[in-house]
mmCIF file of all heavy atoms, coordinates in Angstrom:
data_MODEL
# 
_entry.id   MODEL 
# 
loop_
_atom_site.group_PDB 
_atom_site.id 
_atom_site.type_symbol 
_atom_site.label_atom_id 
_atom_site.label_alt_id 
_atom_site.label_comp_id 
_atom_site.label_asym_id 
_atom_site.label_entity_id 
_atom_site.label_seq_id 
_atom_site.pdbx_PDB_ins_code 
_atom_site.Cartn_x 
_atom_site.Cartn_y 
_atom_site.Cartn_z 
_atom_site.occupancy 
_atom_site.B_iso_or_equiv 
_atom_site.pdbx_formal_charge 
_atom_site.auth_seq_id 
_atom_site.auth_comp_id 
_atom_site.auth_asym_id 
_atom_site.auth_atom_id 
_atom_site.pdbx_PDB_model_num 
ATOM 1   N N   . ALA A 1 1  ? -5.775  -22.598 -33.073 1.00 0.00 ? 1  ALA A N   1 
ATOM 2   C CA  . ALA A 1 1  ? -4.798  -23.609 -33.479 1.00 0.00 ? 1  ALA A CA  1 
ATOM 3   C C   . ALA A 1 1  ? -3.900  -23.097 -34.603 1.00 0.00 ? 1  ALA A C   1 
ATOM 4   O O   . ALA A 1 1  ? -2.691  -23.359 -34.614 1.00 0.00 ? 1  ALA A O   1 
ATOM 5   C CB  . ALA A 1 1  ? -5.522  -24.877 -33.915 1.00 0.00 ? 1  ALA A CB  1 
ATOM 6   N N   . ALA A 1 2  ? -4.487  -22.361 -35.537 1.00 0.00 ? 2  ALA A N   1 
ATOM 7   C CA  . ALA A 1 2  ? -3.708  -21.834 -36.664 1.00 0.00 ? 2  ALA A CA  1 
ATOM 8   C C   . ALA A 1 2  ? -2.626  -20.865 -36.192 1.00 0.00 ? 2  ALA A C   1 
ATOM 9   O O   . ALA A 1 2  ? -1.510  -20.841 -36.738 1.00 0.00 ? 2  ALA A O   1 
ATOM 10  C CB  . ALA A 1 2  ? -4.641  -21.137 -37.655 1.00 0.00 ? 2  ALA A CB  1 
ATOM 11  N N   . ARG A 1 3  ? -2.932  -20.076 -35.161 1.00 0.00 ? 3  ARG A N   1 
ATOM 12  C CA  . ARG A 1 3  ? -1.945  -19.124 -34.629 1.00 0.00 ? 3  ARG A CA  1 
ATOM 13  C C   . ARG A 1 3  ? -0.732  -19.834 -34.047 1.00 0.00 ? 3  ARG A C   1 
ATOM 14  O O   . ARG A 1 3  ? 0.382   -19.317 -34.081 1.00 0.00 ? 3  ARG A O   1 
ATOM 15  C CB  . ARG A 1 3  ? -2.586  -18.237 -33.550 1.00 0.00 ? 3  ARG A CB  1 
ATOM 16  C CG  . ARG A 1 3  ? -3.611  -17.264 -34.061 1.00 0.00 ? 3  ARG A CG  1 
ATOM 17  C CD  . ARG A 1 3  ? -3.729  -16.042 -33.160 1.00 0.00 ? 3  ARG A CD  1 
ATOM 18  N NE  . ARG A 1 3  ? -3.997  -16.370 -31.774 1.00 0.00 ? 3  ARG A NE  1 
ATOM 19  C CZ  . ARG A 1 3  ? -5.215  -16.522 -31.258 1.00 0.00 ? 3  ARG A CZ  1 
ATOM 20  N NH1 . ARG A 1 3  ? -6.287  -16.406 -32.046 1.00 0.00 ? 3  ARG A NH1 1 
ATOM 21  N NH2 . ARG A 1 3  ? -5.374  -16.793 -29.986 1.00 0.00 ? 3  ARG A NH2 1 
ATOM 22  N N   . TYR A 1 4  ? -0.964  -21.019 -33.509 1.00 0.00 ? 4  TYR A N   1 
ATOM 23  C CA  . TYR A 1 4  ? 0.118   -21.756 -32.864 1.00 0.00 ? 4  TYR A CA  1 
ATOM 24  C C   . TYR A 1 4  ? 0.663   -22.891 -33.741 1.00 0.00 ? 4  TYR A C   1 
ATOM 25  O O   . TYR A 1 4  ? 1.568   -23.615 -33.312 1.00 0.00 ? 4  TYR A O   1 
ATOM 26  C CB  . TYR A 1 4  ? -0.368  -22.345 -31.536 1.00 0.00 ? 4  TYR A CB  1 
ATOM 27  C CG  . TYR A 1 4  ? -0.586  -21.315 -30.453 1.00 0.00 ? 4  TYR A CG  1 
ATOM 28  C CD1 . TYR A 1 4  ? -1.825  -20.700 -30.282 1.00 0.00 ? 4  TYR A CD1 1 
ATOM 29  C CD2 . TYR A 1 4  ? 0.452   -20.948 -29.595 1.00 0.00 ? 4  TYR A CD2 1 
ATOM 30  C CE1 . TYR A 1 4  ? -2.033  -19.758 -29.278 1.00 0.00 ? 4  TYR A CE1 1 
ATOM 31  C CE2 . TYR A 1 4  ? 0.252   -20.006 -28.591 1.00 0.00 ? 4  TYR A CE2 1 
ATOM 32  C CZ  . TYR A 1 4  ? -0.994  -19.420 -28.435 1.00 0.00 ? 4  TYR A CZ  1 
ATOM 33  O OH  . TYR A 1 4  ? -1.189  -18.478 -27.445 1.00 0.00 ? 4  TYR A OH  1 
ATOM 34  N N   . GLY A 1 5  ? 0.124   -23.057 -34.935 1.00 0.00 ? 5  GLY A N   1 
ATOM 35  C CA  . GLY A 1 5  ? 0.588   -24.115 -35.814 1.00 0.00 ? 5  GLY A CA  1 
ATOM 36  C C   . GLY A 1 5  ? 0.261   -25.511 -35.304 1.00 0.00 ? 5  GLY A C   1 
ATOM 37  O O   . GLY A 1 5  ? 1.066   -26.440 -35.438 1.00 0.00 ? 5  GLY A O   1 
ATOM 38  N N   . ILE A 1 6  ? -0.942  -25.654 -34.745 1.00 0.00 ? 6  ILE A N   1 
ATOM 39  C CA  . ILE A 1 6  ? -1.371  -26.925 -34.145 1.00 0.00 ? 6  ILE A CA  1 
ATOM 40  C C   . ILE A 1 6  ? -2.512  -27.506 -34.967 1.00 0.00 ? 6  ILE A C   1 
ATOM 41  O O   . ILE A 1 6  ? -3.385  -26.769 -35.447 1.00 0.00 ? 6  ILE A O   1 
ATOM 42  C CB  . ILE A 1 6  ? -1.840  -26.699 -32.693 1.00 0.00 ? 6  ILE A CB  1 
ATOM 43  C CG1 . ILE A 1 6  ? -0.693  -26.134 -31.844 1.00 0.00 ? 6  ILE A CG1 1 
ATOM 44  C CG2 . ILE A 1 6  ? -2.363  -27.992 -32.078 1.00 0.00 ? 6  ILE A CG2 1 
ATOM 45  C CD1 . ILE A 1 6  ? -1.158  -25.612 -30.498 1.00 0.00 ? 6  ILE A CD1 1 
ATOM 46  N N   . ARG A 1 7  ? -2.552  -28.801 -35.109 1.00 0.00 ? 7  ARG A N   1 
ATOM 47  C CA  . ARG A 1 7  ? -3.646  -29.454 -35.831 1.00 0.00 ? 7  ARG A CA  1 
ATOM 48  C C   . ARG A 1 7  ? -4.876  -29.608 -34.944 1.00 0.00 ? 7  ARG A C   1 
ATOM 49  O O   . ARG A 1 7  ? -4.763  -29.684 -33.722 1.00 0.00 ? 7  ARG A O   1 
ATOM 50  C CB  . ARG A 1 7  ? -3.199  -30.812 -36.369 1.00 0.00 ? 7  ARG A CB  1 
ATOM 51  C CG  . ARG A 1 7  ? -2.089  -30.688 -37.408 1.00 0.00 ? 7  ARG A CG  1 
ATOM 52  C CD  . ARG A 1 7  ? -1.941  -31.947 -38.231 1.00 0.00 ? 7  ARG A CD  1 
ATOM 53  N NE  . ARG A 1 7  ? -0.889  -31.799 -39.236 1.00 0.00 ? 7  ARG A NE  1 
ATOM 54  C CZ  . ARG A 1 7  ? -0.705  -32.629 -40.248 1.00 0.00 ? 7  ARG A CZ  1 
ATOM 55  N NH1 . ARG A 1 7  ? -1.496  -33.680 -40.397 1.00 0.00 ? 7  ARG A NH1 1 
ATOM 56  N NH2 . ARG A 1 7  ? 0.268   -32.429 -41.120 1.00 0.00 ? 7  ARG A NH2 1 
ATOM 57  N N   . THR A 1 8  ? -6.044  -29.678 -35.596 1.00 0.00 ? 8  THR A N   1 
ATOM 58  C CA  . THR A 1 8  ? -7.296  -29.840 -34.865 1.00 0.00 ? 8  THR A CA  1 
ATOM 59  C C   . THR A 1 8  ? -8.023  -31.108 -35.312 1.00 0.00 ? 8  THR A C   1 
ATOM 60  O O   . THR A 1 8  ? -7.999  -31.472 -36.492 1.00 0.00 ? 8  THR A O   1 
ATOM 61  C CB  . THR A 1 8  ? -8.220  -28.631 -35.064 1.00 0.00 ? 8  THR A CB  1 
ATOM 62  O OG1 . THR A 1 8  ? -8.375  -28.372 -36.470 1.00 0.00 ? 8  THR A OG1 1 
ATOM 63  C CG2 . THR A 1 8  ? -7.675  -27.399 -34.368 1.00 0.00 ? 8  THR A CG2 1 
ATOM 64  N N   . VAL A 1 9  ? -8.645  -31.738 -34.337 1.00 0.00 ? 9  VAL A N   1 
ATOM 65  C CA  . VAL A 1 9  ? -9.405  -32.963 -34.572 1.00 0.00 ? 9  VAL A CA  1 
ATOM 66  C C   . VAL A 1 9  ? -10.801 -32.782 -33.987 1.00 0.00 ? 9  VAL A C   1 
ATOM 67  O O   . VAL A 1 9  ? -10.940 -32.454 -32.806 1.00 0.00 ? 9  VAL A O   1 
ATOM 68  C CB  . VAL A 1 9  ? -8.737  -34.184 -33.900 1.00 0.00 ? 9  VAL A CB  1 
ATOM 69  C CG1 . VAL A 1 9  ? -9.542  -35.450 -34.166 1.00 0.00 ? 9  VAL A CG1 1 
ATOM 70  C CG2 . VAL A 1 9  ? -7.293  -34.349 -34.373 1.00 0.00 ? 9  VAL A CG2 1 
ATOM 71  N N   . GLU A 1 10 ? -11.815 -32.989 -34.810 1.00 0.00 ? 10 GLU A N   1 
ATOM 72  C CA  . GLU A 1 10 ? -13.193 -32.993 -34.307 1.00 0.00 ? 10 GLU A CA  1 
ATOM 73  C C   . GLU A 1 10 ? -13.636 -34.430 -34.094 1.00 0.00 ? 10 GLU A C   1 
ATOM 74  O O   . GLU A 1 10 ? -13.722 -35.212 -35.045 1.00 0.00 ? 10 GLU A O   1 
ATOM 75  C CB  . GLU A 1 10 ? -14.139 -32.328 -35.303 1.00 0.00 ? 10 GLU A CB  1 
ATOM 76  C CG  . GLU A 1 10 ? -13.963 -30.834 -35.441 1.00 0.00 ? 10 GLU A CG  1 
ATOM 77  C CD  . GLU A 1 10 ? -14.932 -30.251 -36.467 1.00 0.00 ? 10 GLU A CD  1 
ATOM 78  O OE1 . GLU A 1 10 ? -16.147 -30.552 -36.369 1.00 0.00 ? 10 GLU A OE1 1 
ATOM 79  O OE2 . GLU A 1 10 ? -14.466 -29.539 -37.376 1.00 0.00 ? 10 GLU A OE2 1 
ATOM 80  N N   . ASP A 1 11 ? -13.882 -34.782 -32.838 1.00 0.00 ? 11 ASP A N   1 
ATOM 81  C CA  . ASP A 1 11 ? -14.535 -36.055 -32.556 1.00 0.00 ? 11 ASP A CA  1 
ATOM 82  C C   . ASP A 1 11 ? -16.031 -35.799 -32.670 1.00 0.00 ? 11 ASP A C   1 
ATOM 83  O O   . ASP A 1 11 ? -16.676 -35.331 -31.740 1.00 0.00 ? 11 ASP A O   1 
ATOM 84  C CB  . ASP A 1 11 ? -14.164 -36.551 -31.157 1.00 0.00 ? 11 ASP A CB  1 
ATOM 85  C CG  . ASP A 1 11 ? -14.823 -37.882 -30.816 1.00 0.00 ? 11 ASP A CG  1 
ATOM 86  O OD1 . ASP A 1 11 ? -15.716 -38.318 -31.585 1.00 0.00 ? 11 ASP A OD1 1 
ATOM 87  O OD2 . ASP A 1 11 ? -14.472 -38.481 -29.789 1.00 0.00 ? 11 ASP A OD2 1 
ATOM 88  N N   . ALA A 1 12 ? -16.553 -36.098 -33.855 1.00 0.00 ? 12 ALA A N   1 
ATOM 89  C CA  . ALA A 1 12 ? -17.972 -35.878 -34.139 1.00 0.00 ? 12 ALA A CA  1 
ATOM 90  C C   . ALA A 1 12 ? -18.754 -37.184 -34.061 1.00 0.00 ? 12 ALA A C   1 
ATOM 91  O O   . ALA A 1 12 ? -19.698 -37.404 -34.819 1.00 0.00 ? 12 ALA A O   1 
ATOM 92  C CB  . ALA A 1 12 ? -18.128 -35.233 -35.516 1.00 0.00 ? 12 ALA A CB  1 
ATOM 93  N N   . ALA A 1 13 ? -18.348 -38.042 -33.118 1.00 0.00 ? 13 ALA A N   1 
ATOM 94  C CA  . ALA A 1 13 ? -19.009 -39.342 -32.965 1.00 0.00 ? 13 ALA A CA  1 
ATOM 95  C C   . ALA A 1 13 ? -20.509 -39.192 -32.758 1.00 0.00 ? 13 ALA A C   1 
ATOM 96  O O   . ALA A 1 13 ? -21.300 -40.006 -33.229 1.00 0.00 ? 13 ALA A O   1 
ATOM 97  C CB  . ALA A 1 13 ? -18.392 -40.109 -31.783 1.00 0.00 ? 13 ALA A CB  1 
ATOM 98  N N   . HIS A 1 14 ? -20.904 -38.124 -32.041 1.00 0.00 ? 14 HIS A N   1 
ATOM 99  C CA  . HIS A 1 14 ? -22.320 -37.876 -31.769 1.00 0.00 ? 14 HIS A CA  1 
ATOM 100 C C   . HIS A 1 14 ? -23.013 -37.122 -32.894 1.00 0.00 ? 14 HIS A C   1 
ATOM 101 O O   . HIS A 1 14 ? -24.228 -36.931 -32.839 1.00 0.00 ? 14 HIS A O   1 
ATOM 102 C CB  . HIS A 1 14 ? -22.472 -37.015 -30.501 1.00 0.00 ? 14 HIS A CB  1 
ATOM 103 C CG  . HIS A 1 14 ? -21.980 -37.623 -29.246 1.00 0.00 ? 14 HIS A CG  1 
ATOM 104 N ND1 . HIS A 1 14 ? -22.147 -37.016 -28.009 1.00 0.00 ? 14 HIS A ND1 1 
ATOM 105 C CD2 . HIS A 1 14 ? -21.341 -38.789 -28.997 1.00 0.00 ? 14 HIS A CD2 1 
ATOM 106 C CE1 . HIS A 1 14 ? -21.615 -37.759 -27.066 1.00 0.00 ? 14 HIS A CE1 1 
ATOM 107 N NE2 . HIS A 1 14 ? -21.110 -38.847 -27.641 1.00 0.00 ? 14 HIS A NE2 1 
ATOM 108 N N   . ALA A 1 15 ? -22.248 -36.665 -33.893 1.00 0.00 ? 15 ALA A N   1 
ATOM 109 C CA  . ALA A 1 15 ? -22.684 -35.489 -34.644 1.00 0.00 ? 15 ALA A CA  1 
ATOM 110 C C   . ALA A 1 15 ? -22.927 -35.680 -36.132 1.00 0.00 ? 15 ALA A C   1 
ATOM 111 O O   . ALA A 1 15 ? -22.871 -34.715 -36.880 1.00 0.00 ? 15 ALA A O   1 
ATOM 112 C CB  . ALA A 1 15 ? -21.666 -34.369 -34.430 1.00 0.00 ? 15 ALA A CB  1 
ATOM 113 N N   . ILE A 1 16 ? -23.242 -36.881 -36.592 1.00 0.00 ? 16 ILE A N   1 
ATOM 114 C CA  . ILE A 1 16 ? -23.609 -37.016 -37.993 1.00 0.00 ? 16 ILE A CA  1 
ATOM 115 C C   . ILE A 1 16 ? -24.912 -36.250 -38.228 1.00 0.00 ? 16 ILE A C   1 
ATOM 116 O O   . ILE A 1 16 ? -25.874 -36.381 -37.469 1.00 0.00 ? 16 ILE A O   1 
ATOM 117 C CB  . ILE A 1 16 ? -23.737 -38.495 -38.420 1.00 0.00 ? 16 ILE A CB  1 
ATOM 118 C CG1 . ILE A 1 16 ? -23.865 -38.603 -39.943 1.00 0.00 ? 16 ILE A CG1 1 
ATOM 119 C CG2 . ILE A 1 16 ? -24.882 -39.198 -37.723 1.00 0.00 ? 16 ILE A CG2 1 
ATOM 120 C CD1 . ILE A 1 16 ? -23.684 -40.007 -40.482 1.00 0.00 ? 16 ILE A CD1 1 
ATOM 121 N N   . GLY A 1 17 ? -24.926 -35.391 -39.237 1.00 0.00 ? 17 GLY A N   1 
ATOM 122 C CA  . GLY A 1 17 ? -26.092 -34.547 -39.508 1.00 0.00 ? 17 GLY A CA  1 
ATOM 123 C C   . GLY A 1 17 ? -26.024 -33.180 -38.864 1.00 0.00 ? 17 GLY A C   1 
ATOM 124 O O   . GLY A 1 17 ? -26.859 -32.320 -39.147 1.00 0.00 ? 17 GLY A O   1 
ATOM 125 N N   . MET A 1 18 ? -25.041 -32.956 -38.006 1.00 0.00 ? 18 MET A N   1 
ATOM 126 C CA  . MET A 1 18 ? -24.848 -31.647 -37.389 1.00 0.00 ? 18 MET A CA  1 
ATOM 127 C C   . MET A 1 18 ? -24.447 -30.622 -38.443 1.00 0.00 ? 18 MET A C   1 
ATOM 128 O O   . MET A 1 18 ? -23.790 -30.959 -39.425 1.00 0.00 ? 18 MET A O   1 
ATOM 129 C CB  . MET A 1 18 ? -23.752 -31.756 -36.330 1.00 0.00 ? 18 MET A CB  1 
ATOM 130 C CG  . MET A 1 18 ? -23.438 -30.475 -35.574 1.00 0.00 ? 18 MET A CG  1 
ATOM 131 S SD  . MET A 1 18 ? -21.914 -30.632 -34.600 1.00 0.00 ? 18 MET A SD  1 
ATOM 132 C CE  . MET A 1 18 ? -20.676 -30.235 -35.857 1.00 0.00 ? 18 MET A CE  1 
ATOM 133 N N   . GLU A 1 19 ? -24.826 -29.365 -38.224 1.00 0.00 ? 19 GLU A N   1 
ATOM 134 C CA  . GLU A 1 19 ? -24.436 -28.289 -39.132 1.00 0.00 ? 19 GLU A CA  1 
ATOM 135 C C   . GLU A 1 19 ? -23.751 -27.168 -38.353 1.00 0.00 ? 19 GLU A C   1 
ATOM 136 O O   . GLU A 1 19 ? -24.047 -26.948 -37.171 1.00 0.00 ? 19 GLU A O   1 
ATOM 137 C CB  . GLU A 1 19 ? -25.655 -27.733 -39.878 1.00 0.00 ? 19 GLU A CB  1 
ATOM 138 C CG  . GLU A 1 19 ? -26.305 -28.743 -40.819 1.00 0.00 ? 19 GLU A CG  1 
ATOM 139 C CD  . GLU A 1 19 ? -27.516 -28.179 -41.542 1.00 0.00 ? 19 GLU A CD  1 
ATOM 140 O OE1 . GLU A 1 19 ? -27.679 -26.937 -41.550 1.00 0.00 ? 19 GLU A OE1 1 
ATOM 141 O OE2 . GLU A 1 19 ? -28.307 -28.972 -42.077 1.00 0.00 ? 19 GLU A OE2 1 
ATOM 142 N N   . TYR A 1 20 ? -22.846 -26.478 -39.028 1.00 0.00 ? 20 TYR A N   1 
ATOM 143 C CA  . TYR A 1 20 ? -22.152 -25.337 -38.427 1.00 0.00 ? 20 TYR A CA  1 
ATOM 144 C C   . TYR A 1 20 ? -21.954 -24.284 -39.509 1.00 0.00 ? 20 TYR A C   1 
ATOM 145 O O   . TYR A 1 20 ? -21.395 -24.569 -40.563 1.00 0.00 ? 20 TYR A O   1 
ATOM 146 C CB  . TYR A 1 20 ? -20.805 -25.777 -37.851 1.00 0.00 ? 20 TYR A CB  1 
ATOM 147 C CG  . TYR A 1 20 ? -20.011 -24.673 -37.190 1.00 0.00 ? 20 TYR A CG  1 
ATOM 148 C CD1 . TYR A 1 20 ? -20.384 -24.162 -35.955 1.00 0.00 ? 20 TYR A CD1 1 
ATOM 149 C CD2 . TYR A 1 20 ? -18.880 -24.132 -37.817 1.00 0.00 ? 20 TYR A CD2 1 
ATOM 150 C CE1 . TYR A 1 20 ? -19.654 -23.153 -35.347 1.00 0.00 ? 20 TYR A CE1 1 
ATOM 151 C CE2 . TYR A 1 20 ? -18.148 -23.127 -37.225 1.00 0.00 ? 20 TYR A CE2 1 
ATOM 152 C CZ  . TYR A 1 20 ? -18.541 -22.635 -35.986 1.00 0.00 ? 20 TYR A CZ  1 
ATOM 153 O OH  . TYR A 1 20 ? -17.826 -21.632 -35.388 1.00 0.00 ? 20 TYR A OH  1 
ATOM 154 N N   . LYS A 1 21 ? -22.489 -23.103 -39.249 1.00 0.00 ? 21 LYS A N   1 
ATOM 155 C CA  . LYS A 1 21 ? -22.408 -21.993 -40.205 1.00 0.00 ? 21 LYS A CA  1 
ATOM 156 C C   . LYS A 1 21 ? -22.889 -22.409 -41.592 1.00 0.00 ? 21 LYS A C   1 
ATOM 157 O O   . LYS A 1 21 ? -22.279 -22.093 -42.612 1.00 0.00 ? 21 LYS A O   1 
ATOM 158 C CB  . LYS A 1 21 ? -20.995 -21.418 -40.242 1.00 0.00 ? 21 LYS A CB  1 
ATOM 159 C CG  . LYS A 1 21 ? -20.582 -20.804 -38.905 1.00 0.00 ? 21 LYS A CG  1 
ATOM 160 C CD  . LYS A 1 21 ? -19.496 -19.775 -39.013 1.00 0.00 ? 21 LYS A CD  1 
ATOM 161 C CE  . LYS A 1 21 ? -19.372 -19.040 -37.674 1.00 0.00 ? 21 LYS A CE  1 
ATOM 162 N NZ  . LYS A 1 21 ? -18.374 -17.968 -37.693 1.00 0.00 ? 21 LYS A NZ  1 
ATOM 163 N N   . GLY A 1 22 ? -23.994 -23.151 -41.604 1.00 0.00 ? 22 GLY A N   1 
ATOM 164 C CA  . GLY A 1 22 ? -24.647 -23.531 -42.851 1.00 0.00 ? 22 GLY A CA  1 
ATOM 165 C C   . GLY A 1 22 ? -24.049 -24.714 -43.579 1.00 0.00 ? 22 GLY A C   1 
ATOM 166 O O   . GLY A 1 22 ? -24.515 -25.072 -44.655 1.00 0.00 ? 22 GLY A O   1 
ATOM 167 N N   . LYS A 1 23 ? -23.024 -25.330 -42.995 1.00 0.00 ? 23 LYS A N   1 
ATOM 168 C CA  . LYS A 1 23 ? -22.391 -26.481 -43.644 1.00 0.00 ? 23 LYS A CA  1 
ATOM 169 C C   . LYS A 1 23 ? -22.352 -27.674 -42.694 1.00 0.00 ? 23 LYS A C   1 
ATOM 170 O O   . LYS A 1 23 ? -22.297 -27.507 -41.479 1.00 0.00 ? 23 LYS A O   1 
ATOM 171 C CB  . LYS A 1 23 ? -20.963 -26.127 -44.079 1.00 0.00 ? 23 LYS A CB  1 
ATOM 172 C CG  . LYS A 1 23 ? -20.876 -25.033 -45.121 1.00 0.00 ? 23 LYS A CG  1 
ATOM 173 C CD  . LYS A 1 23 ? -19.420 -24.763 -45.486 1.00 0.00 ? 23 LYS A CD  1 
ATOM 174 C CE  . LYS A 1 23 ? -19.299 -23.654 -46.530 1.00 0.00 ? 23 LYS A CE  1 
ATOM 175 N NZ  . LYS A 1 23 ? -17.872 -23.376 -46.872 1.00 0.00 ? 23 LYS A NZ  1 
ATOM 176 N N   . LYS A 1 24 ? -22.362 -28.845 -43.264 1.00 0.00 ? 24 LYS A N   1 
ATOM 177 C CA  . LYS A 1 24 ? -22.267 -30.054 -42.455 1.00 0.00 ? 24 LYS A CA  1 
ATOM 178 C C   . LYS A 1 24 ? -20.844 -30.209 -41.927 1.00 0.00 ? 24 LYS A C   1 
ATOM 179 O O   . LYS A 1 24 ? -19.878 -29.776 -42.541 1.00 0.00 ? 24 LYS A O   1 
ATOM 180 C CB  . LYS A 1 24 ? -22.674 -31.278 -43.268 1.00 0.00 ? 24 LYS A CB  1 
ATOM 181 C CG  . LYS A 1 24 ? -24.159 -31.314 -43.604 1.00 0.00 ? 24 LYS A CG  1 
ATOM 182 C CD  . LYS A 1 24 ? -24.521 -32.599 -44.320 1.00 0.00 ? 24 LYS A CD  1 
ATOM 183 C CE  . LYS A 1 24 ? -26.037 -32.699 -44.521 1.00 0.00 ? 24 LYS A CE  1 
ATOM 184 N NZ  . LYS A 1 24 ? -26.544 -31.656 -45.427 1.00 0.00 ? 24 LYS A NZ  1 
ATOM 185 N N   . ALA A 1 25 ? -20.743 -30.860 -40.778 1.00 0.00 ? 25 ALA A N   1 
ATOM 186 C CA  . ALA A 1 25 ? -19.422 -31.153 -40.218 1.00 0.00 ? 25 ALA A CA  1 
ATOM 187 C C   . ALA A 1 25 ? -18.624 -31.976 -41.214 1.00 0.00 ? 25 ALA A C   1 
ATOM 188 O O   . ALA A 1 25 ? -19.168 -32.760 -41.979 1.00 0.00 ? 25 ALA A O   1 
ATOM 189 C CB  . ALA A 1 25 ? -19.587 -31.923 -38.907 1.00 0.00 ? 25 ALA A CB  1 
ATOM 190 N N   . GLY A 1 26 ? -17.302 -31.780 -41.166 1.00 0.00 ? 26 GLY A N   1 
ATOM 191 C CA  . GLY A 1 26 ? -16.465 -32.618 -42.005 1.00 0.00 ? 26 GLY A CA  1 
ATOM 192 C C   . GLY A 1 26 ? -15.427 -31.889 -42.810 1.00 0.00 ? 26 GLY A C   1 
ATOM 193 O O   . GLY A 1 26 ? -14.560 -32.526 -43.407 1.00 0.00 ? 26 GLY A O   1 
ATOM 194 N N   . GLY A 1 27 ? -15.448 -30.558 -42.824 1.00 0.00 ? 27 GLY A N   1 
ATOM 195 C CA  . GLY A 1 27 ? -14.476 -29.830 -43.620 1.00 0.00 ? 27 GLY A CA  1 
ATOM 196 C C   . GLY A 1 27 ? -13.860 -28.640 -42.915 1.00 0.00 ? 27 GLY A C   1 
ATOM 197 O O   . GLY A 1 27 ? -13.098 -27.888 -43.516 1.00 0.00 ? 27 GLY A O   1 
# 
């Protein structure tokens, strides 16, 4: 998305408490 200048949206409706690369979703 950054290469094309496009925004990204995570629909994490299922994913409270999920982790990615050692951090919680949300940032």
